[in-house]
């Protein structure tokens, strides 16, 4: 591989890795938000039953 090809390959790999990490972060954040929502809903239901 020439240095140009290597450079292009590395740039592509880095870009791809960055995108997947960003997606993972967003997904994790939404999961946490959903979990918090579920917890608050459960608490509300418990209060209603009592």
C-alpha atoms as a PDB file:
ATOM      1  CA  UNK A   1       0.000   0.000   0.000  1.00  0.00           C
ATOM      2  CA  UNK A   2       1.240   3.460  -0.856  1.00  0.00           C
ATOM      3  CA  UNK A   3       1.220   6.140   1.827  1.00  0.00           C
ATOM      4  CA  UNK A   4      -1.649   7.909   0.017  1.00  0.00           C
ATOM      5  CA  UNK A   5      -3.836   4.806   0.098  1.00  0.00           C
ATOM      6  CA  UNK A   6      -2.923   4.177   3.737  1.00  0.00           C
ATOM      7  CA  UNK A   7      -3.828   7.764   4.637  1.00  0.00           C
ATOM      8  CA  UNK A   8      -7.200   7.476   2.873  1.00  0.00           C
ATOM      9  CA  UNK A   9      -7.907   4.126   4.528  1.00  0.00           C
ATOM     10  CA  UNK A  10      -7.086   5.481   8.004  1.00  0.00           C
ATOM     11  CA  UNK A  11      -9.213   8.588   7.459  1.00  0.00           C
ATOM     12  CA  UNK A  12     -12.162   6.434   6.375  1.00  0.00           C
ATOM     13  CA  UNK A  13     -11.748   4.080   9.342  1.00  0.00           C
ATOM     14  CA  UNK A  14     -11.542   7.002  11.784  1.00  0.00           C
ATOM     15  CA  UNK A  15     -14.602   8.650  10.303  1.00  0.00           C
ATOM     16  CA  UNK A  16     -16.558   5.388  10.500  1.00  0.00           C
ATOM     17  CA  UNK A  17     -15.473   4.773  14.101  1.00  0.00           C
ATOM     18  CA  UNK A  18     -16.445   8.328  15.079  1.00  0.00           C
ATOM     19  CA  UNK A  19     -19.887   7.928  13.559  1.00  0.00           C
ATOM     20  CA  UNK A  20     -20.570   4.620  15.334  1.00  0.00           C
ATOM     21  CA  UNK A  21     -19.412   6.060  18.670  1.00  0.00           C
ATOM     22  CA  UNK A  22     -21.672   9.080  18.223  1.00  0.00           C
ATOM     23  CA  UNK A  23     -24.625   6.813  17.380  1.00  0.00           C
ATOM     24  CA  UNK A  24     -23.899   4.641  20.417  1.00  0.00           C
ATOM     25  CA  UNK A  25     -23.796   7.723  22.680  1.00  0.00           C
ATOM     26  CA  UNK A  26     -27.127   8.981  21.362  1.00  0.00           C
ATOM     27  CA  UNK A  27     -28.697   5.534  21.769  1.00  0.00           C
ATOM     28  CA  UNK A  28     -27.395   5.195  25.337  1.00  0.00           C
ATOM     29  CA  UNK A  29     -28.700   8.648  26.229  1.00  0.00           C
ATOM     30  CA  UNK A  30     -32.192   7.828  24.894  1.00  0.00           C
ATOM     31  CA  UNK A  31     -32.153   4.489  26.788  1.00  0.00           C
ATOM     32  CA  UNK A  32     -31.388   6.311  30.044  1.00  0.00           C
ATOM     33  CA  UNK A  33     -34.192   8.796  29.378  1.00  0.00           C
ATOM     34  CA  UNK A  34     -36.657   5.943  28.734  1.00  0.00           C
ATOM     35  CA  UNK A  35     -35.579   4.173  31.932  1.00  0.00           C
ATOM     36  CA  UNK A  36     -36.110   7.374  33.961  1.00  0.00           C
ATOM     37  CA  UNK A  37     -39.562   7.797  32.367  1.00  0.00           C
ATOM     38  CA  UNK A  38     -40.494   4.208  33.248  1.00  0.00           C
ATOM     39  CA  UNK A  39     -39.393   4.710  36.856  1.00  0.00           C
ATOM     40  CA  UNK A  40     -41.437   7.903  37.248  1.00  0.00           C
ATOM     41  CA  UNK A  41     -44.505   6.254  35.656  1.00  0.00           C
ATOM     42  CA  UNK A  42     -44.230   3.299  38.052  1.00  0.00           C
ATOM     43  CA  UNK A  43     -44.018   5.683  41.028  1.00  0.00           C
ATOM     44  CA  UNK A  44     -47.078   7.593  39.770  1.00  0.00           C
ATOM     45  CA  UNK A  45     -49.063   4.343  39.421  1.00  0.00           C
ATOM     46  CA  UNK A  46     -48.110   3.290  42.958  1.00  0.00           C
ATOM     47  CA  UNK A  47     -49.309   6.646  44.295  1.00  0.00           C
ATOM     48  CA  UNK A  48     -52.619   6.270  42.393  1.00  0.00           C
ATOM     49  CA  UNK A  49     -53.218   2.772  43.846  1.00  0.00           C
ATOM     50  CA  UNK A  50     -52.722   4.077  47.395  1.00  0.00           C
END
